[in-house]
Amino acid sequence: MDPELPPLRDPLGEEWVGIRLTNPVTEEEIEILEVDPDDEPFVRGRLRVTAGGTGPPLHVHPRHEEWFSVESGRLTVHREGKRRSLGEGERITIPPGIVHGFENPGDSPVVFTGGLRPRSRITHVLSTLFGQAWEGQVREDGSPRFLQAMVFAREMKDEICLASPSYPIQWLLWTLFAPLGRGLGYRATYDRYLRPGFWERTARRFHRDRGA
């Protein structure tokens, strides 16, 4: 780390408002809109999912409530095996512990706001996954490689868990393989991804590459 950079705060704070996290593999874009540190802390962002795009695999937030509110286009939300199509102005709330995911099966982009309460390390989660996509360290679908995934999953288990395989199997996998991954230099996240400057640079490149 550059010794002149200030130390990081955890959780990340209001300096992230206005930052755009971009993913060159999935073409997702997330603008951080609000980081509220007060009585009922939360983080809120605006997400853009390209036509035919999907969010993360079906997953669970063990301790956090999540919500989606559509601004334009149609968003398909999966919740406990059921599908719901949301249009402009419609909203859905996902309680903690509920399996869910989202996708955009349509022919045009969908834009929606989303948030988590209480405020979580979701910025760490997204910056790791998207940052590694920028550096070519992910699979074709944008997911992390195996040992990286094990280190990440173990560290972030209170933030997000996959719906499949079952939690006991996930626990066994990361218990066995996360120490190996850490021994080889993998980390749950990386300092460079948690600096707004990294995302300011990649956002400019993201839009330049797409002619926007």
N, C-alpha and C. Protein backbone atom coordinates (compact mmCIF):
# COMPACT_ATOMS: atom_id res chain seq x y z
N MET A 1 0.85 -1.20 0.00
CA MET A 1 0.00 0.00 0.00
C MET A 1 0.88 1.24 0.00
N ASP A 2 0.45 2.26 -0.71
CA ASP A 2 1.16 3.53 -0.72
C ASP A 2 1.14 4.12 0.68
N PRO A 3 2.31 4.36 1.30
CA PRO A 3 2.32 4.85 2.68
C PRO A 3 1.70 6.22 2.84
N GLU A 4 1.50 6.97 1.74
CA GLU A 4 0.90 8.30 1.84
C GLU A 4 -0.62 8.25 1.87
N LEU A 5 -1.21 7.10 1.57
CA LEU A 5 -2.66 7.00 1.59
C LEU A 5 -3.16 6.92 3.03
N PRO A 6 -4.30 7.55 3.32
CA PRO A 6 -4.84 7.47 4.69
C PRO A 6 -5.33 6.07 4.99
N PRO A 7 -5.36 5.68 6.27
CA PRO A 7 -5.87 4.35 6.61
C PRO A 7 -7.34 4.22 6.26
N LEU A 8 -7.77 3.02 5.97
CA LEU A 8 -9.16 2.76 5.64
C LEU A 8 -10.02 2.71 6.90
N ARG A 9 -11.26 3.18 6.78
CA ARG A 9 -12.23 3.02 7.85
C ARG A 9 -13.10 1.80 7.54
N ASP A 10 -13.61 1.18 8.57
CA ASP A 10 -14.49 0.03 8.38
C ASP A 10 -15.64 0.15 9.38
N PRO A 11 -16.89 0.27 8.93
CA PRO A 11 -17.27 0.18 7.52
C PRO A 11 -16.91 1.44 6.73
N LEU A 12 -16.90 1.30 5.42
CA LEU A 12 -16.60 2.45 4.57
C LEU A 12 -17.67 3.51 4.74
N GLY A 13 -17.27 4.77 4.61
CA GLY A 13 -18.16 5.85 4.99
C GLY A 13 -18.69 6.68 3.84
N GLU A 14 -19.07 7.91 4.17
CA GLU A 14 -19.78 8.78 3.24
C GLU A 14 -18.91 9.23 2.07
N GLU A 15 -17.61 9.02 2.15
CA GLU A 15 -16.75 9.36 1.02
C GLU A 15 -17.08 8.53 -0.21
N TRP A 16 -17.87 7.46 -0.04
CA TRP A 16 -18.25 6.61 -1.16
C TRP A 16 -19.50 7.09 -1.90
N VAL A 17 -20.20 8.05 -1.35
CA VAL A 17 -21.39 8.56 -2.03
C VAL A 17 -20.99 9.17 -3.37
N GLY A 18 -21.65 8.75 -4.44
CA GLY A 18 -21.33 9.22 -5.79
C GLY A 18 -20.36 8.34 -6.55
N ILE A 19 -19.70 7.41 -5.86
CA ILE A 19 -18.78 6.49 -6.53
C ILE A 19 -19.57 5.47 -7.34
N ARG A 20 -19.07 5.16 -8.53
CA ARG A 20 -19.69 4.16 -9.40
C ARG A 20 -18.80 2.92 -9.48
N LEU A 21 -19.33 1.79 -9.03
CA LEU A 21 -18.66 0.51 -9.17
C LEU A 21 -19.10 -0.11 -10.48
N THR A 22 -18.15 -0.50 -11.31
CA THR A 22 -18.48 -1.05 -12.63
C THR A 22 -17.83 -2.41 -12.79
N ASN A 23 -18.48 -3.23 -13.59
CA ASN A 23 -17.99 -4.59 -13.83
C ASN A 23 -17.88 -4.81 -15.35
N PRO A 24 -16.68 -4.91 -15.90
CA PRO A 24 -16.52 -5.04 -17.35
C PRO A 24 -16.93 -6.41 -17.88
N VAL A 25 -17.10 -7.40 -17.00
CA VAL A 25 -17.50 -8.74 -17.44
C VAL A 25 -19.02 -8.84 -17.53
N THR A 26 -19.71 -8.46 -16.45
CA THR A 26 -21.17 -8.55 -16.44
C THR A 26 -21.84 -7.28 -16.95
N GLU A 27 -21.07 -6.19 -17.09
CA GLU A 27 -21.55 -4.88 -17.51
C GLU A 27 -22.51 -4.25 -16.50
N GLU A 28 -22.48 -4.71 -15.27
CA GLU A 28 -23.26 -4.06 -14.21
C GLU A 28 -22.60 -2.75 -13.81
N GLU A 29 -23.41 -1.83 -13.34
CA GLU A 29 -22.92 -0.56 -12.82
C GLU A 29 -23.73 -0.21 -11.57
N ILE A 30 -23.04 0.16 -10.50
CA ILE A 30 -23.69 0.51 -9.25
C ILE A 30 -23.16 1.85 -8.79
N GLU A 31 -24.07 2.81 -8.60
CA GLU A 31 -23.71 4.11 -8.06
C GLU A 31 -24.13 4.15 -6.59
N ILE A 32 -23.20 4.44 -5.69
CA ILE A 32 -23.51 4.56 -4.28
C ILE A 32 -24.24 5.89 -4.06
N LEU A 33 -25.48 5.81 -3.60
CA LEU A 33 -26.31 7.01 -3.43
C LEU A 33 -26.29 7.57 -2.02
N GLU A 34 -26.22 6.67 -1.04
CA GLU A 34 -26.37 7.13 0.33
C GLU A 34 -25.72 6.12 1.28
N VAL A 35 -24.99 6.63 2.23
CA VAL A 35 -24.43 5.82 3.31
C VAL A 35 -24.83 6.51 4.61
N ASP A 36 -25.77 5.94 5.33
CA ASP A 36 -26.33 6.57 6.52
C ASP A 36 -25.76 5.90 7.77
N PRO A 37 -24.97 6.62 8.55
CA PRO A 37 -24.34 6.01 9.72
C PRO A 37 -25.11 6.17 11.02
N ASP A 38 -26.33 6.74 10.97
CA ASP A 38 -26.99 7.18 12.20
C ASP A 38 -27.87 6.09 12.82
N ASP A 39 -29.05 6.46 13.28
CA ASP A 39 -29.85 5.57 14.13
C ASP A 39 -30.13 4.22 13.51
N GLU A 40 -30.54 4.21 12.26
CA GLU A 40 -30.84 2.95 11.58
C GLU A 40 -29.98 2.88 10.33
N PRO A 41 -28.69 2.53 10.48
CA PRO A 41 -27.74 2.68 9.37
C PRO A 41 -28.07 1.79 8.19
N PHE A 42 -27.82 2.31 7.00
CA PHE A 42 -28.04 1.54 5.79
C PHE A 42 -27.16 2.08 4.69
N VAL A 43 -27.07 1.32 3.61
CA VAL A 43 -26.39 1.77 2.41
C VAL A 43 -27.35 1.59 1.24
N ARG A 44 -27.39 2.56 0.34
CA ARG A 44 -28.33 2.53 -0.79
C ARG A 44 -27.59 2.88 -2.06
N GLY A 45 -27.93 2.19 -3.15
CA GLY A 45 -27.29 2.45 -4.42
C GLY A 45 -28.25 2.32 -5.59
N ARG A 46 -27.81 2.82 -6.75
CA ARG A 46 -28.58 2.68 -7.98
C ARG A 46 -27.85 1.69 -8.88
N LEU A 47 -28.55 0.67 -9.34
CA LEU A 47 -27.96 -0.40 -10.12
C LEU A 47 -28.50 -0.36 -11.54
N ARG A 48 -27.62 -0.61 -12.50
CA ARG A 48 -28.03 -0.74 -13.89
C ARG A 48 -27.58 -2.12 -14.37
N VAL A 49 -28.56 -2.89 -14.85
CA VAL A 49 -28.28 -4.24 -15.35
C VAL A 49 -28.61 -4.27 -16.84
N THR A 50 -27.66 -4.65 -17.66
CA THR A 50 -27.83 -4.66 -19.10
C THR A 50 -28.88 -5.68 -19.52
N ALA A 51 -29.38 -5.55 -20.73
CA ALA A 51 -30.36 -6.50 -21.26
C ALA A 51 -29.79 -7.91 -21.22
N GLY A 52 -30.56 -8.83 -20.68
CA GLY A 52 -30.10 -10.21 -20.57
C GLY A 52 -29.16 -10.46 -19.42
N GLY A 53 -28.89 -9.44 -18.61
CA GLY A 53 -27.92 -9.58 -17.53
C GLY A 53 -28.54 -10.16 -16.26
N THR A 54 -27.68 -10.66 -15.41
CA THR A 54 -28.12 -11.22 -14.13
C THR A 54 -27.27 -10.63 -13.01
N GLY A 55 -27.82 -10.67 -11.82
CA GLY A 55 -27.06 -10.30 -10.64
C GLY A 55 -26.28 -11.49 -10.14
N PRO A 56 -25.92 -11.50 -8.87
CA PRO A 56 -25.18 -12.64 -8.31
C PRO A 56 -26.04 -13.89 -8.30
N PRO A 57 -25.44 -15.07 -8.13
CA PRO A 57 -26.24 -16.29 -8.00
C PRO A 57 -27.20 -16.16 -6.82
N LEU A 58 -28.22 -17.03 -6.79
CA LEU A 58 -29.15 -17.02 -5.67
C LEU A 58 -28.38 -17.06 -4.35
N HIS A 59 -28.77 -16.21 -3.43
CA HIS A 59 -27.99 -16.04 -2.21
C HIS A 59 -28.87 -15.62 -1.05
N VAL A 60 -28.25 -15.52 0.12
CA VAL A 60 -28.92 -15.14 1.36
C VAL A 60 -28.07 -14.10 2.07
N HIS A 61 -28.72 -13.11 2.66
CA HIS A 61 -28.06 -12.20 3.59
C HIS A 61 -28.50 -12.62 5.00
N PRO A 62 -27.63 -13.26 5.77
CA PRO A 62 -28.07 -13.81 7.06
C PRO A 62 -28.62 -12.77 8.04
N ARG A 63 -28.09 -11.55 7.99
CA ARG A 63 -28.43 -10.56 9.02
C ARG A 63 -29.04 -9.27 8.47
N HIS A 64 -29.22 -9.17 7.16
CA HIS A 64 -29.60 -7.89 6.57
C HIS A 64 -30.88 -7.99 5.75
N GLU A 65 -31.69 -6.97 5.88
CA GLU A 65 -32.85 -6.79 5.02
C GLU A 65 -32.40 -6.07 3.75
N GLU A 66 -32.91 -6.52 2.60
CA GLU A 66 -32.56 -5.89 1.32
C GLU A 66 -33.84 -5.48 0.60
N TRP A 67 -33.77 -4.40 -0.15
CA TRP A 67 -34.93 -4.00 -0.93
C TRP A 67 -34.51 -3.53 -2.31
N PHE A 68 -35.45 -3.66 -3.26
CA PHE A 68 -35.26 -3.22 -4.64
C PHE A 68 -36.45 -2.34 -5.02
N SER A 69 -36.19 -1.24 -5.73
CA SER A 69 -37.24 -0.36 -6.22
C SER A 69 -36.90 0.04 -7.65
N VAL A 70 -37.76 -0.31 -8.60
CA VAL A 70 -37.45 -0.14 -10.02
C VAL A 70 -37.71 1.29 -10.47
N GLU A 71 -36.74 1.87 -11.18
CA GLU A 71 -36.89 3.20 -11.76
C GLU A 71 -37.27 3.13 -13.23
N SER A 72 -36.69 2.19 -13.97
CA SER A 72 -37.04 2.04 -15.39
C SER A 72 -36.75 0.61 -15.82
N GLY A 73 -37.51 0.14 -16.82
CA GLY A 73 -37.37 -1.23 -17.28
C GLY A 73 -38.13 -2.20 -16.39
N ARG A 74 -37.87 -3.49 -16.58
CA ARG A 74 -38.52 -4.51 -15.76
C ARG A 74 -37.46 -5.42 -15.16
N LEU A 75 -37.60 -5.64 -13.87
CA LEU A 75 -36.65 -6.45 -13.11
C LEU A 75 -37.35 -7.72 -12.64
N THR A 76 -36.74 -8.87 -12.91
CA THR A 76 -37.27 -10.13 -12.42
C THR A 76 -36.53 -10.49 -11.13
N VAL A 77 -37.29 -10.64 -10.05
CA VAL A 77 -36.74 -10.98 -8.75
C VAL A 77 -37.13 -12.41 -8.40
N HIS A 78 -36.16 -13.19 -7.98
CA HIS A 78 -36.40 -14.55 -7.50
C HIS A 78 -36.39 -14.52 -5.98
N ARG A 79 -37.44 -15.07 -5.38
CA ARG A 79 -37.54 -15.11 -3.92
C ARG A 79 -38.13 -16.45 -3.50
N GLU A 80 -37.31 -17.26 -2.84
CA GLU A 80 -37.71 -18.57 -2.34
C GLU A 80 -38.42 -19.40 -3.41
N GLY A 81 -37.80 -19.46 -4.59
CA GLY A 81 -38.32 -20.30 -5.66
C GLY A 81 -39.43 -19.70 -6.49
N LYS A 82 -39.86 -18.48 -6.17
CA LYS A 82 -40.90 -17.81 -6.93
C LYS A 82 -40.31 -16.63 -7.68
N ARG A 83 -40.91 -16.33 -8.84
CA ARG A 83 -40.46 -15.22 -9.67
C ARG A 83 -41.49 -14.11 -9.61
N ARG A 84 -40.98 -12.88 -9.56
CA ARG A 84 -41.86 -11.72 -9.61
C ARG A 84 -41.25 -10.68 -10.53
N SER A 85 -42.04 -10.17 -11.45
CA SER A 85 -41.58 -9.15 -12.38
C SER A 85 -42.02 -7.78 -11.87
N LEU A 86 -41.05 -6.90 -11.66
CA LEU A 86 -41.32 -5.56 -11.14
C LEU A 86 -41.14 -4.53 -12.23
N GLY A 87 -42.11 -3.61 -12.34
CA GLY A 87 -42.01 -2.51 -13.28
C GLY A 87 -41.73 -1.20 -12.57
N GLU A 88 -41.71 -0.12 -13.34
CA GLU A 88 -41.39 1.20 -12.81
C GLU A 88 -42.25 1.54 -11.60
N GLY A 89 -41.62 1.96 -10.52
CA GLY A 89 -42.32 2.36 -9.31
C GLY A 89 -42.64 1.22 -8.36
N GLU A 90 -42.37 -0.02 -8.75
CA GLU A 90 -42.67 -1.15 -7.88
C GLU A 90 -41.46 -1.49 -7.02
N ARG A 91 -41.74 -2.07 -5.85
CA ARG A 91 -40.71 -2.32 -4.85
C ARG A 91 -40.93 -3.67 -4.18
N ILE A 92 -39.85 -4.30 -3.76
CA ILE A 92 -39.93 -5.54 -3.00
C ILE A 92 -38.89 -5.51 -1.89
N THR A 93 -39.24 -6.09 -0.75
CA THR A 93 -38.33 -6.17 0.39
C THR A 93 -38.03 -7.63 0.69
N ILE A 94 -36.77 -7.94 0.91
CA ILE A 94 -36.33 -9.31 1.20
C ILE A 94 -35.83 -9.35 2.65
N PRO A 95 -36.52 -10.08 3.54
CA PRO A 95 -36.05 -10.16 4.93
C PRO A 95 -34.75 -10.95 5.03
N PRO A 96 -34.06 -10.83 6.15
CA PRO A 96 -32.84 -11.63 6.36
C PRO A 96 -33.15 -13.13 6.27
N GLY A 97 -32.19 -13.87 5.72
CA GLY A 97 -32.31 -15.32 5.67
C GLY A 97 -33.13 -15.88 4.53
N ILE A 98 -33.62 -15.03 3.64
CA ILE A 98 -34.47 -15.46 2.52
C ILE A 98 -33.63 -15.60 1.25
N VAL A 99 -33.75 -16.73 0.57
CA VAL A 99 -33.03 -16.95 -0.69
C VAL A 99 -33.61 -16.03 -1.76
N HIS A 100 -32.73 -15.34 -2.48
CA HIS A 100 -33.21 -14.41 -3.50
C HIS A 100 -32.12 -14.15 -4.54
N GLY A 101 -32.52 -13.48 -5.59
CA GLY A 101 -31.62 -13.06 -6.66
C GLY A 101 -32.41 -12.22 -7.64
N PHE A 102 -31.75 -11.70 -8.68
CA PHE A 102 -32.46 -10.90 -9.67
C PHE A 102 -31.81 -11.06 -11.03
N GLU A 103 -32.57 -10.72 -12.07
CA GLU A 103 -32.07 -10.75 -13.43
C GLU A 103 -32.87 -9.80 -14.29
N ASN A 104 -32.35 -9.54 -15.48
CA ASN A 104 -33.04 -8.71 -16.46
C ASN A 104 -33.16 -9.51 -17.74
N PRO A 105 -34.26 -10.27 -17.92
CA PRO A 105 -34.41 -11.07 -19.12
C PRO A 105 -34.89 -10.28 -20.33
N GLY A 106 -35.12 -8.98 -20.15
CA GLY A 106 -35.67 -8.17 -21.23
C GLY A 106 -34.67 -7.75 -22.27
N ASP A 107 -35.13 -6.93 -23.22
CA ASP A 107 -34.30 -6.48 -24.34
C ASP A 107 -33.69 -5.11 -24.11
N SER A 108 -33.93 -4.50 -22.97
CA SER A 108 -33.36 -3.19 -22.67
C SER A 108 -32.88 -3.17 -21.22
N PRO A 109 -31.99 -2.25 -20.89
CA PRO A 109 -31.47 -2.21 -19.52
C PRO A 109 -32.57 -1.95 -18.49
N VAL A 110 -32.32 -2.36 -17.28
CA VAL A 110 -33.20 -2.03 -16.16
C VAL A 110 -32.38 -1.25 -15.15
N VAL A 111 -32.99 -0.22 -14.58
CA VAL A 111 -32.35 0.60 -13.57
C VAL A 111 -33.21 0.55 -12.31
N PHE A 112 -32.59 0.27 -11.19
CA PHE A 112 -33.34 0.22 -9.93
C PHE A 112 -32.45 0.63 -8.79
N THR A 113 -33.07 1.10 -7.72
CA THR A 113 -32.33 1.37 -6.49
C THR A 113 -32.47 0.17 -5.57
N GLY A 114 -31.45 -0.02 -4.76
CA GLY A 114 -31.47 -1.12 -3.80
C GLY A 114 -30.70 -0.72 -2.57
N GLY A 115 -30.98 -1.42 -1.47
CA GLY A 115 -30.29 -1.09 -0.24
C GLY A 115 -30.28 -2.23 0.74
N LEU A 116 -29.43 -2.10 1.73
CA LEU A 116 -29.31 -3.08 2.81
C LEU A 116 -29.40 -2.35 4.14
N ARG A 117 -30.14 -2.95 5.07
CA ARG A 117 -30.24 -2.42 6.43
C ARG A 117 -30.09 -3.57 7.39
N PRO A 118 -29.30 -3.48 8.45
CA PRO A 118 -28.42 -2.35 8.77
C PRO A 118 -27.24 -2.28 7.81
N ARG A 119 -26.53 -1.21 7.87
CA ARG A 119 -25.40 -1.04 6.96
C ARG A 119 -24.43 -2.20 7.11
N SER A 120 -23.91 -2.67 6.01
CA SER A 120 -23.10 -3.88 6.01
C SER A 120 -21.77 -3.61 5.31
N ARG A 121 -21.04 -4.68 5.07
CA ARG A 121 -19.79 -4.59 4.31
C ARG A 121 -20.06 -4.87 2.83
N ILE A 122 -21.26 -4.51 2.36
CA ILE A 122 -21.61 -4.80 0.97
C ILE A 122 -20.66 -4.09 0.01
N THR A 123 -20.14 -2.92 0.39
CA THR A 123 -19.19 -2.23 -0.48
C THR A 123 -17.92 -3.04 -0.62
N HIS A 124 -17.49 -3.71 0.46
CA HIS A 124 -16.34 -4.61 0.38
C HIS A 124 -16.62 -5.77 -0.57
N VAL A 125 -17.83 -6.34 -0.44
CA VAL A 125 -18.21 -7.48 -1.29
C VAL A 125 -18.16 -7.09 -2.76
N LEU A 126 -18.85 -6.00 -3.10
CA LEU A 126 -18.95 -5.58 -4.49
C LEU A 126 -17.60 -5.13 -5.05
N SER A 127 -16.85 -4.39 -4.25
CA SER A 127 -15.57 -3.89 -4.75
C SER A 127 -14.60 -5.03 -5.02
N THR A 128 -14.67 -6.09 -4.22
CA THR A 128 -13.81 -7.25 -4.47
C THR A 128 -14.19 -7.95 -5.76
N LEU A 129 -15.48 -8.27 -5.92
CA LEU A 129 -15.93 -9.00 -7.11
C LEU A 129 -15.72 -8.18 -8.38
N PHE A 130 -16.07 -6.91 -8.33
CA PHE A 130 -15.95 -6.06 -9.52
C PHE A 130 -14.49 -5.71 -9.79
N GLY A 131 -13.73 -5.45 -8.72
CA GLY A 131 -12.33 -5.11 -8.90
C GLY A 131 -11.55 -6.25 -9.54
N GLN A 132 -11.82 -7.47 -9.11
CA GLN A 132 -11.13 -8.61 -9.72
C GLN A 132 -11.54 -8.80 -11.17
N ALA A 133 -12.78 -8.43 -11.50
CA ALA A 133 -13.19 -8.50 -12.91
C ALA A 133 -12.35 -7.55 -13.76
N TRP A 134 -12.05 -6.37 -13.22
CA TRP A 134 -11.21 -5.42 -13.96
C TRP A 134 -9.80 -5.94 -14.16
N GLU A 135 -9.34 -6.77 -13.25
CA GLU A 135 -7.96 -7.26 -13.33
C GLU A 135 -7.87 -8.67 -13.91
N GLY A 136 -8.96 -9.16 -14.50
CA GLY A 136 -8.93 -10.45 -15.18
C GLY A 136 -8.78 -11.64 -14.26
N GLN A 137 -9.23 -11.50 -13.01
CA GLN A 137 -9.06 -12.55 -12.03
C GLN A 137 -10.35 -13.31 -11.74
N VAL A 138 -11.29 -13.34 -12.69
CA VAL A 138 -12.57 -14.02 -12.49
C VAL A 138 -12.84 -14.98 -13.65
N ARG A 139 -13.84 -15.83 -13.45
CA ARG A 139 -14.27 -16.73 -14.51
C ARG A 139 -15.09 -15.97 -15.55
N GLU A 140 -15.48 -16.66 -16.61
CA GLU A 140 -16.21 -16.01 -17.70
C GLU A 140 -17.52 -15.39 -17.24
N ASP A 141 -18.15 -15.98 -16.20
CA ASP A 141 -19.42 -15.44 -15.72
C ASP A 141 -19.25 -14.36 -14.66
N GLY A 142 -18.01 -13.99 -14.37
CA GLY A 142 -17.75 -12.94 -13.39
C GLY A 142 -17.54 -13.44 -11.97
N SER A 143 -17.66 -14.74 -11.73
CA SER A 143 -17.49 -15.28 -10.38
C SER A 143 -16.00 -15.47 -10.08
N PRO A 144 -15.62 -15.39 -8.80
CA PRO A 144 -14.20 -15.53 -8.45
C PRO A 144 -13.71 -16.96 -8.63
N ARG A 145 -12.42 -17.11 -8.83
CA ARG A 145 -11.82 -18.43 -8.92
C ARG A 145 -11.86 -19.13 -7.56
N PHE A 146 -11.66 -20.45 -7.56
CA PHE A 146 -12.02 -21.28 -6.43
C PHE A 146 -11.38 -20.84 -5.11
N LEU A 147 -10.05 -20.77 -5.05
CA LEU A 147 -9.42 -20.44 -3.78
C LEU A 147 -9.74 -19.02 -3.34
N GLN A 148 -9.83 -18.10 -4.30
CA GLN A 148 -10.26 -16.75 -3.96
C GLN A 148 -11.67 -16.78 -3.37
N ALA A 149 -12.55 -17.57 -3.99
CA ALA A 149 -13.92 -17.68 -3.51
C ALA A 149 -13.97 -18.23 -2.09
N MET A 150 -13.12 -19.19 -1.78
CA MET A 150 -13.12 -19.78 -0.44
C MET A 150 -12.70 -18.76 0.62
N VAL A 151 -11.66 -18.01 0.34
CA VAL A 151 -11.21 -16.98 1.28
C VAL A 151 -12.28 -15.92 1.45
N PHE A 152 -12.86 -15.49 0.34
CA PHE A 152 -13.90 -14.47 0.34
C PHE A 152 -15.12 -14.95 1.12
N ALA A 153 -15.58 -16.18 0.83
CA ALA A 153 -16.80 -16.69 1.45
C ALA A 153 -16.66 -16.82 2.95
N ARG A 154 -15.50 -17.29 3.40
CA ARG A 154 -15.30 -17.44 4.84
C ARG A 154 -15.34 -16.10 5.55
N GLU A 155 -14.69 -15.11 4.98
CA GLU A 155 -14.63 -13.79 5.60
C GLU A 155 -15.99 -13.09 5.57
N MET A 156 -16.75 -13.28 4.49
CA MET A 156 -18.00 -12.54 4.29
C MET A 156 -19.24 -13.36 4.63
N LYS A 157 -19.09 -14.44 5.38
CA LYS A 157 -20.22 -15.34 5.63
C LYS A 157 -21.37 -14.67 6.38
N ASP A 158 -21.09 -13.63 7.15
CA ASP A 158 -22.15 -12.91 7.84
C ASP A 158 -22.83 -11.89 6.94
N GLU A 159 -22.24 -11.62 5.77
CA GLU A 159 -22.82 -10.67 4.82
C GLU A 159 -23.64 -11.36 3.74
N ILE A 160 -23.09 -12.46 3.21
CA ILE A 160 -23.73 -13.12 2.08
C ILE A 160 -23.28 -14.57 2.01
N CYS A 161 -24.24 -15.47 1.73
CA CYS A 161 -23.95 -16.89 1.50
C CYS A 161 -24.71 -17.33 0.27
N LEU A 162 -24.14 -18.23 -0.49
CA LEU A 162 -24.85 -18.78 -1.63
C LEU A 162 -26.00 -19.67 -1.16
N ALA A 163 -27.03 -19.77 -2.00
CA ALA A 163 -28.16 -20.65 -1.69
C ALA A 163 -27.79 -22.11 -1.87
N SER A 164 -26.83 -22.37 -2.74
CA SER A 164 -26.41 -23.74 -3.04
C SER A 164 -24.91 -23.75 -3.30
N PRO A 165 -24.18 -24.76 -2.77
CA PRO A 165 -24.65 -25.91 -2.00
C PRO A 165 -25.13 -25.51 -0.61
N SER A 166 -25.56 -26.47 0.19
CA SER A 166 -26.10 -26.19 1.51
C SER A 166 -25.03 -25.53 2.39
N TYR A 167 -25.50 -24.83 3.42
CA TYR A 167 -24.56 -24.12 4.29
C TYR A 167 -23.54 -25.06 4.91
N PRO A 168 -23.92 -26.27 5.41
CA PRO A 168 -22.87 -27.15 5.98
C PRO A 168 -21.78 -27.51 4.97
N ILE A 169 -22.15 -27.69 3.71
CA ILE A 169 -21.14 -28.01 2.71
C ILE A 169 -20.27 -26.80 2.43
N GLN A 170 -20.88 -25.62 2.34
CA GLN A 170 -20.08 -24.41 2.17
C GLN A 170 -19.12 -24.24 3.34
N TRP A 171 -19.62 -24.46 4.55
CA TRP A 171 -18.76 -24.32 5.74
C TRP A 171 -17.58 -25.28 5.66
N LEU A 172 -17.84 -26.52 5.25
CA LEU A 172 -16.76 -27.50 5.14
C LEU A 172 -15.74 -27.07 4.09
N LEU A 173 -16.21 -26.58 2.95
CA LEU A 173 -15.31 -26.19 1.87
C LEU A 173 -14.41 -25.04 2.29
N TRP A 174 -15.00 -23.98 2.86
CA TRP A 174 -14.14 -22.85 3.20
C TRP A 174 -13.26 -23.14 4.42
N THR A 175 -13.71 -24.03 5.29
CA THR A 175 -12.86 -24.42 6.42
C THR A 175 -11.62 -25.16 5.93
N LEU A 176 -11.79 -26.00 4.90
CA LEU A 176 -10.68 -26.76 4.35
C LEU A 176 -9.77 -25.92 3.46
N PHE A 177 -10.37 -25.09 2.62
CA PHE A 177 -9.60 -24.45 1.55
C PHE A 177 -9.24 -22.99 1.78
N ALA A 178 -9.97 -22.28 2.65
CA ALA A 178 -9.63 -20.87 2.88
C ALA A 178 -8.23 -20.71 3.46
N PRO A 179 -7.80 -21.55 4.42
CA PRO A 179 -6.41 -21.40 4.91
C PRO A 179 -5.37 -21.60 3.81
N LEU A 180 -5.65 -22.54 2.90
CA LEU A 180 -4.74 -22.74 1.77
C LEU A 180 -4.69 -21.49 0.90
N GLY A 181 -5.86 -20.94 0.61
CA GLY A 181 -5.90 -19.74 -0.21
C GLY A 181 -5.16 -18.58 0.43
N ARG A 182 -5.35 -18.40 1.72
CA ARG A 182 -4.65 -17.31 2.41
C ARG A 182 -3.15 -17.54 2.41
N GLY A 183 -2.76 -18.81 2.56
CA GLY A 183 -1.34 -19.12 2.52
C GLY A 183 -0.70 -18.80 1.18
N LEU A 184 -1.51 -18.84 0.11
CA LEU A 184 -1.03 -18.53 -1.22
C LEU A 184 -1.17 -17.05 -1.58
N GLY A 185 -1.65 -16.27 -0.62
CA GLY A 185 -1.69 -14.82 -0.83
C GLY A 185 -3.06 -14.25 -1.14
N TYR A 186 -4.09 -15.07 -1.21
CA TYR A 186 -5.44 -14.55 -1.46
C TYR A 186 -5.97 -13.87 -0.20
N ARG A 187 -6.77 -12.83 -0.41
CA ARG A 187 -7.40 -12.13 0.70
C ARG A 187 -8.89 -11.94 0.38
N ALA A 188 -9.67 -11.67 1.44
CA ALA A 188 -11.10 -11.48 1.22
C ALA A 188 -11.37 -10.23 0.39
N THR A 189 -10.58 -9.21 0.60
CA THR A 189 -10.64 -8.03 -0.25
C THR A 189 -9.24 -7.42 -0.26
N TYR A 190 -9.08 -6.37 -1.05
CA TYR A 190 -7.75 -5.81 -1.27
C TYR A 190 -7.83 -4.29 -1.14
N ASP A 191 -6.79 -3.74 -0.54
CA ASP A 191 -6.78 -2.32 -0.25
C ASP A 191 -7.08 -1.47 -1.49
N ARG A 192 -6.53 -1.84 -2.62
CA ARG A 192 -6.67 -0.99 -3.80
C ARG A 192 -8.13 -0.88 -4.26
N TYR A 193 -8.94 -1.92 -4.00
CA TYR A 193 -10.35 -1.88 -4.40
C TYR A 193 -11.19 -1.02 -3.46
N LEU A 194 -10.66 -0.69 -2.30
CA LEU A 194 -11.41 0.06 -1.31
C LEU A 194 -11.03 1.53 -1.30
N ARG A 195 -10.45 1.97 -2.41
CA ARG A 195 -10.08 3.37 -2.58
C ARG A 195 -10.97 3.98 -3.66
N PRO A 196 -11.73 5.04 -3.35
CA PRO A 196 -12.58 5.65 -4.37
C PRO A 196 -11.84 5.97 -5.67
N GLY A 197 -10.56 6.32 -5.60
CA GLY A 197 -9.82 6.66 -6.81
C GLY A 197 -9.76 5.52 -7.81
N PHE A 198 -9.67 4.29 -7.33
CA PHE A 198 -9.67 3.14 -8.24
C PHE A 198 -10.94 3.13 -9.07
N TRP A 199 -12.08 3.41 -8.43
CA TRP A 199 -13.36 3.35 -9.12
C TRP A 199 -13.62 4.57 -9.97
N GLU A 200 -13.05 5.68 -9.61
CA GLU A 200 -13.17 6.86 -10.49
C GLU A 200 -12.46 6.59 -11.81
N ARG A 201 -11.29 5.95 -11.75
CA ARG A 201 -10.55 5.64 -12.98
C ARG A 201 -11.27 4.58 -13.81
N THR A 202 -11.74 3.51 -13.17
CA THR A 202 -12.37 2.44 -13.93
C THR A 202 -13.72 2.87 -14.50
N ALA A 203 -14.43 3.76 -13.81
CA ALA A 203 -15.71 4.25 -14.34
C ALA A 203 -15.49 5.01 -15.63
N ARG A 204 -14.44 5.83 -15.67
CA ARG A 204 -14.16 6.57 -16.91
C ARG A 204 -13.84 5.59 -18.05
N ARG A 205 -13.06 4.57 -17.75
CA ARG A 205 -12.71 3.58 -18.77
C ARG A 205 -13.95 2.79 -19.21
N PHE A 206 -14.81 2.44 -18.25
CA PHE A 206 -16.03 1.67 -18.53
C PHE A 206 -16.90 2.40 -19.54
N HIS A 207 -17.11 3.69 -19.32
CA HIS A 207 -17.99 4.46 -20.22
C HIS A 207 -17.28 4.78 -21.52
N ARG A 208 -15.97 4.99 -21.49
CA ARG A 208 -15.23 5.23 -22.74
C ARG A 208 -15.28 4.00 -23.64
N ASP A 209 -15.11 2.82 -23.05
CA ASP A 209 -15.14 1.60 -23.85
C ASP A 209 -16.50 1.35 -24.48
N ARG A 210 -17.55 1.88 -23.86
CA ARG A 210 -18.90 1.67 -24.37
C ARG A 210 -19.43 2.88 -25.14
N GLY A 211 -18.56 3.85 -25.35
CA GLY A 211 -18.94 5.01 -26.14
C GLY A 211 -19.93 5.90 -25.47
N ALA A 212 -20.03 5.79 -24.12
CA ALA A 212 -21.02 6.59 -23.41
C ALA A 212 -20.42 7.92 -22.96
